[in-house]
Every structure is written in structure tokens, then in C-alpha cells.
N, C-alpha and C. Protein backbone atom coordinates (compact mmCIF):
# COMPACT_ATOMS: atom_id res chain seq x y z
N MET A 1 9.89 53.45 7.54
CA MET A 1 10.09 52.49 6.46
C MET A 1 9.61 53.11 5.14
N SER A 2 10.45 53.04 4.08
CA SER A 2 10.09 53.62 2.79
C SER A 2 9.03 52.79 2.11
N LEU A 3 8.41 53.41 1.10
CA LEU A 3 7.37 52.71 0.33
C LEU A 3 7.93 51.50 -0.37
N LEU A 4 9.19 51.60 -0.88
CA LEU A 4 9.83 50.48 -1.57
C LEU A 4 10.08 49.33 -0.60
N THR A 5 10.53 49.66 0.61
CA THR A 5 10.79 48.61 1.62
C THR A 5 9.51 47.91 2.01
N LYS A 6 8.41 48.70 2.18
CA LYS A 6 7.13 48.09 2.51
C LYS A 6 6.66 47.14 1.43
N ARG A 7 6.86 47.57 0.17
CA ARG A 7 6.43 46.73 -0.96
C ARG A 7 7.21 45.42 -0.98
N ARG A 8 8.53 45.48 -0.76
CA ARG A 8 9.34 44.26 -0.75
C ARG A 8 8.91 43.32 0.37
N SER A 9 8.61 43.88 1.55
CA SER A 9 8.16 43.05 2.67
C SER A 9 6.84 42.38 2.35
N PHE A 10 5.94 43.11 1.72
CA PHE A 10 4.62 42.56 1.38
C PHE A 10 4.76 41.43 0.38
N LEU A 11 5.63 41.60 -0.63
CA LEU A 11 5.81 40.56 -1.65
C LEU A 11 6.49 39.34 -1.08
N ALA A 12 7.25 39.51 -0.01
CA ALA A 12 7.96 38.37 0.57
C ALA A 12 7.06 37.50 1.41
N LEU A 13 5.91 38.01 1.86
CA LEU A 13 5.03 37.25 2.74
C LEU A 13 4.54 35.94 2.12
N PRO A 14 4.05 35.94 0.86
CA PRO A 14 3.60 34.67 0.28
C PRO A 14 4.70 33.64 0.22
N LEU A 15 5.95 34.08 -0.10
CA LEU A 15 7.06 33.15 -0.17
C LEU A 15 7.35 32.54 1.19
N LEU A 16 7.34 33.35 2.24
CA LEU A 16 7.59 32.84 3.58
C LEU A 16 6.50 31.87 3.99
N ALA A 17 5.26 32.18 3.67
CA ALA A 17 4.16 31.30 4.01
C ALA A 17 4.29 29.97 3.30
N ALA A 18 4.71 30.01 2.04
CA ALA A 18 4.88 28.77 1.28
C ALA A 18 5.98 27.92 1.88
N CYS A 19 7.08 28.55 2.27
CA CYS A 19 8.18 27.80 2.90
C CYS A 19 7.74 27.15 4.20
N ALA A 20 6.96 27.89 5.01
CA ALA A 20 6.49 27.33 6.28
C ALA A 20 5.60 26.12 6.05
N THR A 21 4.73 26.23 5.02
CA THR A 21 3.84 25.10 4.73
C THR A 21 4.64 23.89 4.28
N GLU A 22 5.64 24.12 3.45
CA GLU A 22 6.44 23.01 2.93
C GLU A 22 7.21 22.33 4.05
N GLN A 23 7.78 23.12 4.98
CA GLN A 23 8.56 22.54 6.07
C GLN A 23 7.66 21.78 7.05
N ALA A 24 6.41 22.25 7.20
CA ALA A 24 5.51 21.60 8.14
C ALA A 24 4.86 20.35 7.55
N ASP A 25 5.03 20.12 6.25
CA ASP A 25 4.42 18.98 5.60
C ASP A 25 4.99 17.70 6.20
N PRO A 26 4.14 16.76 6.67
CA PRO A 26 4.65 15.54 7.30
C PRO A 26 5.53 14.73 6.35
N TYR A 27 6.60 14.19 6.90
CA TYR A 27 7.52 13.38 6.10
C TYR A 27 6.94 11.98 5.90
N VAL A 28 7.02 11.50 4.68
CA VAL A 28 6.59 10.15 4.36
C VAL A 28 7.76 9.41 3.72
N PRO A 29 8.30 8.38 4.37
CA PRO A 29 9.44 7.66 3.81
C PRO A 29 9.10 7.04 2.45
N PRO A 30 10.04 7.02 1.53
CA PRO A 30 9.78 6.39 0.23
C PRO A 30 9.67 4.87 0.37
N GLY A 31 9.06 4.25 -0.61
CA GLY A 31 8.94 2.80 -0.60
C GLY A 31 7.79 2.32 0.26
N PRO A 32 7.63 1.00 0.35
CA PRO A 32 6.53 0.44 1.13
C PRO A 32 6.71 0.69 2.62
N PRO A 33 5.61 0.86 3.35
CA PRO A 33 5.70 1.09 4.81
C PRO A 33 6.31 -0.12 5.52
N SER A 34 6.90 0.14 6.67
CA SER A 34 7.47 -0.92 7.48
C SER A 34 7.38 -0.54 8.96
N TYR A 35 7.05 -1.53 9.78
CA TYR A 35 6.97 -1.32 11.23
C TYR A 35 7.92 -2.27 11.97
N GLY A 36 8.72 -3.00 11.19
CA GLY A 36 9.60 -4.00 11.80
C GLY A 36 10.69 -3.44 12.67
N HIS A 37 11.03 -2.15 12.50
CA HIS A 37 12.09 -1.55 13.29
C HIS A 37 11.61 -1.13 14.68
N LEU A 38 10.30 -1.18 14.90
CA LEU A 38 9.73 -0.78 16.19
C LEU A 38 9.64 -1.97 17.14
N THR A 39 9.71 -1.67 18.44
CA THR A 39 9.63 -2.73 19.44
C THR A 39 8.25 -3.38 19.39
N PRO A 40 8.19 -4.71 19.27
CA PRO A 40 6.88 -5.39 19.20
C PRO A 40 6.09 -5.19 20.48
N LEU A 41 4.78 -5.21 20.34
CA LEU A 41 3.87 -5.21 21.49
C LEU A 41 3.57 -6.67 21.81
N ARG A 42 4.26 -7.19 22.81
CA ARG A 42 4.13 -8.62 23.17
C ARG A 42 2.98 -8.81 24.14
N LEU A 43 2.07 -9.66 23.77
CA LEU A 43 0.89 -9.91 24.59
C LEU A 43 1.03 -11.23 25.35
N LYS A 44 0.55 -11.24 26.59
CA LYS A 44 0.62 -12.44 27.43
C LYS A 44 -0.51 -13.40 27.04
N VAL A 45 -0.42 -13.92 25.84
CA VAL A 45 -1.42 -14.85 25.32
C VAL A 45 -0.70 -16.01 24.63
N SER A 46 -1.44 -17.09 24.47
CA SER A 46 -0.84 -18.27 23.83
C SER A 46 -0.89 -18.20 22.31
N ALA A 47 -1.83 -17.44 21.76
CA ALA A 47 -1.97 -17.35 20.31
C ALA A 47 -2.51 -15.98 19.92
N LEU A 48 -2.18 -15.58 18.71
CA LEU A 48 -2.61 -14.29 18.18
C LEU A 48 -3.28 -14.51 16.83
N GLU A 49 -4.49 -14.03 16.69
CA GLU A 49 -5.23 -14.12 15.43
C GLU A 49 -5.35 -12.73 14.81
N ILE A 50 -4.92 -12.61 13.57
CA ILE A 50 -5.04 -11.36 12.83
C ILE A 50 -6.01 -11.61 11.69
N LYS A 51 -7.18 -11.02 11.80
CA LYS A 51 -8.26 -11.30 10.86
C LYS A 51 -8.17 -10.41 9.62
N GLU A 52 -8.41 -11.02 8.47
CA GLU A 52 -8.52 -10.25 7.24
C GLU A 52 -9.78 -9.39 7.30
N ALA A 53 -9.78 -8.31 6.57
CA ALA A 53 -10.93 -7.42 6.57
C ALA A 53 -12.12 -8.06 5.87
N ASP A 54 -13.30 -7.90 6.47
CA ASP A 54 -14.53 -8.38 5.85
C ASP A 54 -14.98 -7.39 4.78
N ILE A 55 -15.69 -7.90 3.79
CA ILE A 55 -16.22 -7.05 2.73
C ILE A 55 -17.44 -6.29 3.26
N GLY A 56 -17.48 -4.98 3.04
CA GLY A 56 -18.61 -4.18 3.51
C GLY A 56 -18.41 -2.72 3.18
N THR A 57 -19.38 -1.90 3.46
CA THR A 57 -19.30 -0.48 3.14
C THR A 57 -18.20 0.22 3.92
N ALA A 58 -17.87 -0.27 5.12
CA ALA A 58 -16.81 0.34 5.92
C ALA A 58 -15.44 0.13 5.29
N LEU A 59 -15.37 -0.73 4.29
CA LEU A 59 -14.10 -1.02 3.64
C LEU A 59 -14.09 -0.48 2.20
N LEU A 60 -14.96 0.47 1.91
CA LEU A 60 -15.04 1.06 0.59
C LEU A 60 -13.74 1.74 0.23
N VAL A 61 -13.20 1.42 -0.94
CA VAL A 61 -11.94 2.01 -1.38
C VAL A 61 -12.12 2.56 -2.79
N ALA A 62 -11.98 3.87 -2.92
CA ALA A 62 -12.07 4.51 -4.23
C ALA A 62 -10.73 4.36 -4.95
N GLN A 63 -10.80 4.17 -6.23
CA GLN A 63 -9.58 4.06 -7.04
C GLN A 63 -9.13 5.45 -7.49
N PRO A 64 -7.83 5.64 -7.66
CA PRO A 64 -6.77 4.65 -7.53
C PRO A 64 -6.39 4.41 -6.08
N ALA A 65 -5.88 3.20 -5.81
CA ALA A 65 -5.47 2.86 -4.45
C ALA A 65 -4.22 1.98 -4.52
N PRO A 66 -3.05 2.61 -4.78
CA PRO A 66 -1.80 1.82 -4.85
C PRO A 66 -1.52 1.07 -3.56
N LEU A 67 -1.95 1.64 -2.42
CA LEU A 67 -1.80 1.00 -1.11
C LEU A 67 -3.16 0.95 -0.43
N PRO A 68 -3.87 -0.16 -0.53
CA PRO A 68 -5.18 -0.26 0.14
C PRO A 68 -5.03 -0.10 1.65
N PRO A 69 -5.88 0.68 2.30
CA PRO A 69 -5.76 0.90 3.75
C PRO A 69 -5.74 -0.39 4.55
N ALA A 70 -6.55 -1.38 4.16
CA ALA A 70 -6.59 -2.63 4.92
C ALA A 70 -5.25 -3.34 4.90
N ASP A 71 -4.52 -3.25 3.78
CA ASP A 71 -3.21 -3.91 3.69
C ASP A 71 -2.23 -3.26 4.66
N ILE A 72 -2.28 -1.94 4.79
CA ILE A 72 -1.39 -1.24 5.73
C ILE A 72 -1.71 -1.64 7.17
N MET A 73 -2.99 -1.78 7.47
CA MET A 73 -3.40 -2.14 8.83
C MET A 73 -2.98 -3.56 9.18
N LEU A 74 -3.11 -4.47 8.23
CA LEU A 74 -2.67 -5.85 8.47
C LEU A 74 -1.15 -5.91 8.65
N LEU A 75 -0.43 -5.14 7.85
CA LEU A 75 1.03 -5.09 7.98
C LEU A 75 1.44 -4.59 9.35
N MET A 76 0.77 -3.52 9.83
CA MET A 76 1.07 -2.99 11.16
C MET A 76 0.84 -4.04 12.23
N ALA A 77 -0.28 -4.75 12.15
CA ALA A 77 -0.61 -5.75 13.16
C ALA A 77 0.40 -6.89 13.15
N ARG A 78 0.79 -7.33 11.96
CA ARG A 78 1.71 -8.47 11.87
C ARG A 78 3.12 -8.12 12.33
N GLU A 79 3.51 -6.86 12.14
CA GLU A 79 4.87 -6.48 12.52
C GLU A 79 4.97 -5.90 13.92
N ARG A 80 3.84 -5.47 14.50
CA ARG A 80 3.89 -4.88 15.83
C ARG A 80 3.46 -5.84 16.93
N LEU A 81 2.55 -6.77 16.63
CA LEU A 81 1.98 -7.65 17.67
C LEU A 81 2.64 -9.03 17.66
N SER A 82 2.75 -9.60 18.84
CA SER A 82 3.25 -10.97 18.97
C SER A 82 2.73 -11.59 20.24
N ALA A 83 2.67 -12.91 20.28
CA ALA A 83 2.20 -13.65 21.46
C ALA A 83 3.41 -14.09 22.28
N ALA A 84 3.41 -13.69 23.56
CA ALA A 84 4.54 -14.00 24.44
C ALA A 84 4.28 -15.22 25.31
N GLY A 85 3.07 -15.79 25.21
CA GLY A 85 2.75 -16.96 26.03
C GLY A 85 1.82 -16.61 27.17
N GLY A 86 0.82 -17.44 27.36
CA GLY A 86 -0.15 -17.20 28.42
C GLY A 86 -1.35 -18.10 28.26
N ALA A 87 -2.39 -17.83 29.01
CA ALA A 87 -3.56 -18.73 29.00
C ALA A 87 -4.56 -18.38 27.91
N GLY A 88 -4.74 -17.09 27.62
CA GLY A 88 -5.77 -16.68 26.67
C GLY A 88 -5.25 -16.52 25.27
N THR A 89 -6.07 -15.90 24.42
CA THR A 89 -5.70 -15.60 23.05
C THR A 89 -6.01 -14.14 22.75
N ALA A 90 -5.47 -13.62 21.66
CA ALA A 90 -5.72 -12.24 21.25
C ALA A 90 -6.21 -12.24 19.81
N ARG A 91 -7.07 -11.28 19.50
CA ARG A 91 -7.64 -11.19 18.15
C ARG A 91 -7.62 -9.74 17.67
N PHE A 92 -6.95 -9.53 16.54
CA PHE A 92 -6.90 -8.21 15.91
C PHE A 92 -7.87 -8.20 14.74
N SER A 93 -8.72 -7.18 14.66
CA SER A 93 -9.69 -7.10 13.57
C SER A 93 -9.76 -5.69 13.02
N ILE A 94 -10.04 -5.60 11.73
CA ILE A 94 -10.22 -4.31 11.05
C ILE A 94 -11.70 -3.98 11.01
N GLN A 95 -12.06 -2.83 11.51
CA GLN A 95 -13.45 -2.40 11.51
C GLN A 95 -13.76 -1.41 10.40
N THR A 96 -12.80 -0.54 10.09
CA THR A 96 -12.96 0.40 9.00
C THR A 96 -11.62 0.57 8.29
N ALA A 97 -11.66 0.51 6.97
CA ALA A 97 -10.48 0.77 6.15
C ALA A 97 -10.98 1.42 4.87
N ARG A 98 -11.18 2.72 4.93
CA ARG A 98 -11.89 3.41 3.85
C ARG A 98 -11.01 4.49 3.23
N LEU A 99 -11.06 4.55 1.91
CA LEU A 99 -10.36 5.60 1.15
C LEU A 99 -11.36 6.18 0.15
N THR A 100 -11.65 7.47 0.28
CA THR A 100 -12.59 8.12 -0.61
C THR A 100 -11.95 9.36 -1.21
N ARG A 101 -12.48 9.82 -2.34
CA ARG A 101 -11.96 11.04 -2.95
C ARG A 101 -13.11 11.86 -3.52
N ASP A 102 -12.94 13.19 -3.47
CA ASP A 102 -13.93 14.13 -3.97
C ASP A 102 -13.21 15.24 -4.71
N ILE A 103 -13.92 15.89 -5.60
CA ILE A 103 -13.37 17.04 -6.29
C ILE A 103 -13.35 18.23 -5.33
N ALA A 104 -12.18 18.79 -5.12
CA ALA A 104 -12.04 19.95 -4.23
C ALA A 104 -12.24 21.25 -4.99
N ALA A 105 -11.71 21.32 -6.21
CA ALA A 105 -11.84 22.53 -7.03
C ALA A 105 -11.73 22.14 -8.49
N ALA A 106 -12.62 22.68 -9.30
CA ALA A 106 -12.58 22.40 -10.73
C ALA A 106 -11.40 23.13 -11.38
N GLY A 107 -10.80 22.50 -12.34
CA GLY A 107 -9.66 23.10 -13.01
C GLY A 107 -10.08 24.20 -13.98
N GLY A 108 -9.14 25.07 -14.27
CA GLY A 108 -9.37 26.15 -15.21
C GLY A 108 -8.33 26.14 -16.30
N VAL A 109 -8.25 27.25 -17.01
CA VAL A 109 -7.29 27.35 -18.10
C VAL A 109 -5.86 27.32 -17.58
N PHE A 110 -5.64 27.99 -16.46
CA PHE A 110 -4.28 28.10 -15.93
C PHE A 110 -4.04 27.26 -14.68
N ASN A 111 -5.09 26.76 -14.06
CA ASN A 111 -4.94 26.00 -12.82
C ASN A 111 -5.49 24.59 -12.99
N PRO A 112 -4.75 23.57 -12.50
CA PRO A 112 -5.25 22.19 -12.59
C PRO A 112 -6.36 21.96 -11.57
N ALA A 113 -7.15 20.96 -11.82
CA ALA A 113 -8.18 20.58 -10.84
C ALA A 113 -7.50 20.00 -9.60
N SER A 114 -8.18 20.09 -8.47
CA SER A 114 -7.64 19.51 -7.23
C SER A 114 -8.68 18.56 -6.65
N GLU A 115 -8.19 17.55 -5.98
CA GLU A 115 -9.06 16.55 -5.37
C GLU A 115 -8.67 16.34 -3.92
N ASN A 116 -9.64 15.93 -3.12
CA ASN A 116 -9.41 15.65 -1.70
C ASN A 116 -9.58 14.16 -1.45
N PHE A 117 -8.55 13.57 -0.87
CA PHE A 117 -8.59 12.17 -0.47
C PHE A 117 -8.77 12.09 1.04
N ARG A 118 -9.63 11.21 1.49
CA ARG A 118 -9.83 10.98 2.92
C ARG A 118 -9.63 9.50 3.22
N CYS A 119 -8.81 9.23 4.21
CA CYS A 119 -8.57 7.85 4.65
C CYS A 119 -9.00 7.70 6.11
N VAL A 120 -9.82 6.70 6.37
CA VAL A 120 -10.29 6.41 7.72
C VAL A 120 -9.89 4.98 8.07
N MET A 121 -9.23 4.83 9.20
CA MET A 121 -8.81 3.51 9.68
C MET A 121 -9.30 3.31 11.11
N ARG A 122 -9.87 2.16 11.36
CA ARG A 122 -10.33 1.82 12.71
C ARG A 122 -10.09 0.33 12.93
N CYS A 123 -9.44 -0.02 14.03
CA CYS A 123 -9.15 -1.42 14.33
C CYS A 123 -9.38 -1.69 15.80
N GLN A 124 -9.45 -2.97 16.13
CA GLN A 124 -9.70 -3.38 17.52
C GLN A 124 -8.83 -4.58 17.86
N LEU A 125 -8.32 -4.57 19.07
CA LEU A 125 -7.57 -5.70 19.60
C LEU A 125 -8.28 -6.21 20.84
N GLU A 126 -8.65 -7.48 20.83
CA GLU A 126 -9.36 -8.10 21.95
C GLU A 126 -8.52 -9.22 22.55
N VAL A 127 -8.61 -9.34 23.86
CA VAL A 127 -7.99 -10.46 24.57
C VAL A 127 -9.12 -11.37 25.03
N LEU A 128 -9.03 -12.66 24.69
CA LEU A 128 -10.08 -13.62 24.99
C LEU A 128 -9.60 -14.63 26.02
N SER A 129 -10.52 -15.03 26.88
CA SER A 129 -10.21 -16.04 27.90
C SER A 129 -10.23 -17.42 27.26
N ALA A 130 -9.90 -18.44 28.05
CA ALA A 130 -9.93 -19.82 27.56
C ALA A 130 -11.32 -20.23 27.14
N GLU A 131 -12.35 -19.58 27.72
CA GLU A 131 -13.74 -19.87 27.37
C GLU A 131 -14.23 -18.99 26.23
N ASP A 132 -13.34 -18.25 25.57
CA ASP A 132 -13.64 -17.40 24.43
C ASP A 132 -14.43 -16.16 24.81
N GLY A 133 -14.34 -15.73 26.05
CA GLY A 133 -14.98 -14.50 26.48
C GLY A 133 -14.00 -13.34 26.41
N VAL A 134 -14.49 -12.17 26.07
CA VAL A 134 -13.63 -10.98 25.96
C VAL A 134 -13.30 -10.46 27.36
N VAL A 135 -12.03 -10.42 27.68
CA VAL A 135 -11.59 -9.94 29.00
C VAL A 135 -10.85 -8.62 28.91
N GLY A 136 -10.63 -8.12 27.71
CA GLY A 136 -9.98 -6.83 27.53
C GLY A 136 -9.97 -6.45 26.06
N SER A 137 -10.00 -5.14 25.80
CA SER A 137 -10.00 -4.70 24.40
C SER A 137 -9.46 -3.28 24.29
N ALA A 138 -8.98 -2.95 23.12
CA ALA A 138 -8.49 -1.60 22.81
C ALA A 138 -8.86 -1.30 21.36
N THR A 139 -9.35 -0.08 21.14
CA THR A 139 -9.78 0.35 19.81
C THR A 139 -9.05 1.62 19.43
N ALA A 140 -8.63 1.69 18.18
CA ALA A 140 -7.93 2.87 17.67
C ALA A 140 -8.56 3.30 16.36
N GLU A 141 -8.73 4.61 16.19
CA GLU A 141 -9.30 5.15 14.96
C GLU A 141 -8.60 6.44 14.59
N VAL A 142 -8.30 6.61 13.30
CA VAL A 142 -7.68 7.84 12.80
C VAL A 142 -8.34 8.23 11.49
N ARG A 143 -8.25 9.53 11.18
CA ARG A 143 -8.76 10.07 9.92
C ARG A 143 -7.72 11.03 9.36
N ARG A 144 -7.50 10.94 8.05
CA ARG A 144 -6.56 11.81 7.38
C ARG A 144 -7.20 12.36 6.10
N ASP A 145 -7.05 13.66 5.86
CA ASP A 145 -7.49 14.31 4.64
C ASP A 145 -6.28 14.91 3.94
N LEU A 146 -6.26 14.81 2.63
CA LEU A 146 -5.16 15.39 1.85
C LEU A 146 -5.71 15.91 0.54
N THR A 147 -5.45 17.18 0.28
CA THR A 147 -5.93 17.83 -0.94
C THR A 147 -4.74 18.28 -1.77
N GLY A 148 -4.81 18.05 -3.07
CA GLY A 148 -3.72 18.46 -3.93
C GLY A 148 -4.14 18.50 -5.38
N PRO A 149 -3.30 19.09 -6.24
CA PRO A 149 -3.60 19.16 -7.67
C PRO A 149 -3.48 17.79 -8.33
N VAL A 150 -4.32 17.54 -9.29
CA VAL A 150 -4.28 16.27 -10.03
C VAL A 150 -4.36 16.57 -11.52
N ARG A 151 -3.21 16.60 -12.15
CA ARG A 151 -3.15 16.86 -13.59
C ARG A 151 -3.35 15.59 -14.41
N ASP A 152 -3.03 14.44 -13.77
CA ASP A 152 -3.17 13.17 -14.47
C ASP A 152 -3.32 12.05 -13.46
N ASP A 153 -3.43 10.81 -13.95
CA ASP A 153 -3.62 9.65 -13.07
C ASP A 153 -2.39 9.40 -12.20
N THR A 154 -1.22 9.78 -12.66
CA THR A 154 -0.01 9.57 -11.86
C THR A 154 -0.04 10.42 -10.60
N GLU A 155 -0.41 11.70 -10.74
CA GLU A 155 -0.51 12.56 -9.57
C GLU A 155 -1.65 12.12 -8.66
N ARG A 156 -2.73 11.64 -9.24
CA ARG A 156 -3.86 11.17 -8.43
C ARG A 156 -3.45 9.95 -7.60
N ALA A 157 -2.73 9.02 -8.20
CA ALA A 157 -2.27 7.83 -7.48
C ALA A 157 -1.27 8.18 -6.39
N ALA A 158 -0.40 9.16 -6.67
CA ALA A 158 0.59 9.57 -5.67
C ALA A 158 -0.10 10.21 -4.47
N LEU A 159 -1.15 10.98 -4.71
CA LEU A 159 -1.89 11.61 -3.62
C LEU A 159 -2.59 10.55 -2.77
N ALA A 160 -3.18 9.55 -3.43
CA ALA A 160 -3.84 8.48 -2.70
C ALA A 160 -2.85 7.68 -1.86
N GLU A 161 -1.69 7.39 -2.41
CA GLU A 161 -0.68 6.64 -1.67
C GLU A 161 -0.18 7.42 -0.46
N ARG A 162 0.00 8.72 -0.64
CA ARG A 162 0.52 9.54 0.46
C ARG A 162 -0.46 9.61 1.63
N VAL A 163 -1.76 9.80 1.33
CA VAL A 163 -2.72 9.93 2.43
C VAL A 163 -2.86 8.61 3.19
N VAL A 164 -2.73 7.48 2.50
CA VAL A 164 -2.81 6.18 3.18
C VAL A 164 -1.58 5.98 4.06
N LYS A 165 -0.43 6.37 3.57
CA LYS A 165 0.79 6.24 4.38
C LYS A 165 0.71 7.12 5.63
N LEU A 166 0.22 8.35 5.47
CA LEU A 166 0.09 9.24 6.62
C LEU A 166 -0.90 8.68 7.63
N ALA A 167 -2.02 8.14 7.13
CA ALA A 167 -2.99 7.53 8.04
C ALA A 167 -2.38 6.33 8.76
N GLY A 168 -1.55 5.57 8.05
CA GLY A 168 -0.89 4.43 8.68
C GLY A 168 0.06 4.86 9.78
N GLN A 169 0.76 5.97 9.57
CA GLN A 169 1.64 6.50 10.62
C GLN A 169 0.82 6.92 11.84
N ASP A 170 -0.28 7.61 11.58
CA ASP A 170 -1.14 8.04 12.67
C ASP A 170 -1.70 6.85 13.45
N LEU A 171 -2.15 5.83 12.71
CA LEU A 171 -2.76 4.68 13.37
C LEU A 171 -1.75 3.94 14.23
N ASN A 172 -0.53 3.83 13.76
CA ASN A 172 0.49 3.14 14.54
C ASN A 172 0.68 3.80 15.90
N ILE A 173 0.71 5.13 15.92
CA ILE A 173 0.88 5.87 17.18
C ILE A 173 -0.35 5.71 18.07
N GLU A 174 -1.53 5.90 17.47
CA GLU A 174 -2.77 5.82 18.24
C GLU A 174 -3.01 4.40 18.76
N PHE A 175 -2.70 3.41 17.95
CA PHE A 175 -2.91 2.01 18.34
C PHE A 175 -2.05 1.65 19.54
N GLU A 176 -0.77 2.01 19.48
CA GLU A 176 0.11 1.69 20.61
C GLU A 176 -0.35 2.41 21.88
N TYR A 177 -0.77 3.65 21.72
CA TYR A 177 -1.27 4.39 22.90
C TYR A 177 -2.46 3.68 23.52
N GLN A 178 -3.42 3.27 22.72
CA GLN A 178 -4.63 2.62 23.23
C GLN A 178 -4.33 1.25 23.84
N VAL A 179 -3.42 0.50 23.22
CA VAL A 179 -3.06 -0.81 23.76
C VAL A 179 -2.37 -0.65 25.11
N ARG A 180 -1.45 0.29 25.22
CA ARG A 180 -0.74 0.48 26.49
C ARG A 180 -1.68 1.06 27.56
N ARG A 181 -2.72 1.75 27.13
CA ARG A 181 -3.66 2.32 28.09
C ARG A 181 -4.68 1.29 28.59
N HIS A 182 -5.24 0.51 27.66
CA HIS A 182 -6.35 -0.38 28.02
C HIS A 182 -5.93 -1.83 28.23
N LEU A 183 -4.78 -2.23 27.70
CA LEU A 183 -4.35 -3.62 27.83
C LEU A 183 -2.97 -3.73 28.47
N ARG A 184 -2.65 -2.77 29.30
CA ARG A 184 -1.31 -2.76 29.91
C ARG A 184 -1.05 -4.04 30.72
N GLY A 185 -2.08 -4.54 31.40
CA GLY A 185 -1.89 -5.77 32.18
C GLY A 185 -1.63 -7.00 31.34
N TRP A 186 -1.90 -6.91 30.04
CA TRP A 186 -1.69 -8.05 29.14
C TRP A 186 -0.42 -7.91 28.32
N LEU A 187 0.37 -6.87 28.60
CA LEU A 187 1.61 -6.66 27.86
C LEU A 187 2.80 -7.26 28.61
N GLN A 188 3.66 -7.92 27.85
CA GLN A 188 4.91 -8.43 28.41
C GLN A 188 5.92 -7.29 28.38
N LEU A 189 6.22 -6.73 29.55
CA LEU A 189 7.07 -5.53 29.63
C LEU A 189 8.51 -5.84 29.95
N ILE A 190 8.90 -7.10 29.91
CA ILE A 190 10.29 -7.48 30.16
C ILE A 190 11.02 -7.49 28.83
N ALA A 191 12.11 -6.76 28.75
CA ALA A 191 12.85 -6.64 27.49
C ALA A 191 13.62 -7.91 27.18
N GLU A 192 13.76 -8.18 25.90
CA GLU A 192 14.61 -9.27 25.45
C GLU A 192 16.07 -8.86 25.65
N PRO A 193 17.02 -9.84 25.66
CA PRO A 193 18.43 -9.49 25.83
C PRO A 193 18.90 -8.49 24.77
N GLY A 194 19.50 -7.40 25.23
CA GLY A 194 20.00 -6.39 24.33
C GLY A 194 18.96 -5.43 23.80
N GLU A 195 17.72 -5.54 24.28
CA GLU A 195 16.64 -4.68 23.78
C GLU A 195 16.26 -3.66 24.84
N THR A 196 15.91 -2.47 24.37
CA THR A 196 15.44 -1.41 25.25
C THR A 196 13.98 -1.15 24.98
N LEU A 197 13.17 -1.26 26.00
CA LEU A 197 11.73 -1.02 25.82
C LEU A 197 11.46 0.47 25.69
N PRO A 198 10.49 0.85 24.85
CA PRO A 198 10.19 2.27 24.68
C PRO A 198 9.47 2.84 25.88
N GLN A 199 9.55 4.14 26.00
CA GLN A 199 8.81 4.83 27.05
C GLN A 199 7.33 4.82 26.70
N PRO A 200 6.44 4.95 27.69
CA PRO A 200 5.01 4.97 27.39
C PRO A 200 4.66 6.06 26.37
N VAL A 201 3.75 5.73 25.49
CA VAL A 201 3.35 6.65 24.44
C VAL A 201 2.43 7.72 25.00
N GLU A 202 2.75 8.96 24.72
CA GLU A 202 1.90 10.08 25.12
C GLU A 202 1.01 10.45 23.94
N ARG A 203 -0.27 10.56 24.20
CA ARG A 203 -1.21 10.87 23.12
C ARG A 203 -1.16 12.34 22.79
N GLU A 204 -1.12 12.66 21.48
CA GLU A 204 -1.10 14.03 21.03
C GLU A 204 -2.16 14.20 19.96
N ALA A 205 -2.62 15.43 19.77
CA ALA A 205 -3.56 15.71 18.71
C ALA A 205 -2.86 15.53 17.37
N LEU A 206 -3.49 14.76 16.48
CA LEU A 206 -2.89 14.49 15.18
C LEU A 206 -3.01 15.73 14.30
N PRO A 207 -1.94 16.07 13.58
CA PRO A 207 -1.99 17.28 12.76
C PRO A 207 -2.95 17.11 11.60
N ALA A 208 -3.66 18.17 11.28
CA ALA A 208 -4.56 18.15 10.11
C ALA A 208 -3.76 18.43 8.86
N THR A 209 -4.14 17.76 7.79
CA THR A 209 -3.43 17.96 6.54
C THR A 209 -4.28 18.75 5.57
């Protein structure tokens, strides 16, 4: 291989690496999140309670927050869970809905500053007996980090919105996995007319961002 060919190959490496990173970047659909297109998780209970998040340090949200984590979690619960009828009740609660940000790198003359956003979501689904005793539960927790340049408040808000959406995607997968694993006996597995039930969810390691 000639010296010129080696030089061209060396210069091409950063470009190839950048393309690989861009292609591997998780896709985030535009607009507000939605879970209505997914098959509901029907529970064999007479009623379903979806609790609003309590105020506390576990719900700390740094600004900007175009999409508060707690709102995404409530949306997921309302669109994914339903009561199919039965003796007990079910209760969905938010335990952690946190969005924080830190300076990742100070900006310079030629480079903008970068910040790291971290979103942590943790929720629990409990099945209660007629006597209000817990007879089954499932807990799901996810963490997402996202670092990017922030030249202005618009880019900062876009970064915050993206990390919350990614965490919401992760939580939806993890939540269904935990419910099917720990509350399978409380799930109504008979499909509605014209509906196809999904295959059991296989748990996978969530990609780091």
C-alpha cells in the first residue's frame, strides 16, 4: 500500500466512525409520545388506580423540561393498563421521575459547551385483594444519559426532551417485561376479536447513550 493510500485510509476513519455513531443513535419519533398503538396489559381486577406522583426529592426535575418524566410515566400507564374484571384492584404508582443536568465540558472559542442530561424512572404496579392486601407486584426502573452541545436554550430543551423520550421507550419495554414476569397470573391473555396478542417480552440490556 502506498503512502498516499495509507493517508487516505487514515483520514477516512473519523468519517466512518461518525457515520456508525449516527446510524446507531436511537430513533425518537417526532411529536408527543404515544402508547395507544400497543396491545393493552389487561389485568384481572375490578378497578385500576393510577396515582399522580407525590412531591419529593425523587421527583426532582431540572429545567428546561418540555416533557416532565412523571407525565410520560402516567401516559404510559393510562394507555397500556386496563381492568378486565375480577375480585381485586390494581394500583400504579410513580416512585422516581427525575431529570437532572450537569456541565459535561466547558465551551471554548471554537467549541460550544456540552451538558449531560440524566433521566431516571421507577414505577410499581401492585395487585390488591378485597381486603386491601398486596397479593402481587412488579417494579420497573430505567436510567438514560444523554450528552450533547448546548449553544442556546433551544438546544438545551431539545436535549432534555430527547432523553425523557428515550427513557420512556426504555421504561415501556422494561415495565411490560416485569409485569409479564411477576404478574402473569393476573393478566387477561385472551385476545379481543380481531386482535393478536404479542409474544412474551424478552429482556435485553438497554443501550447506553
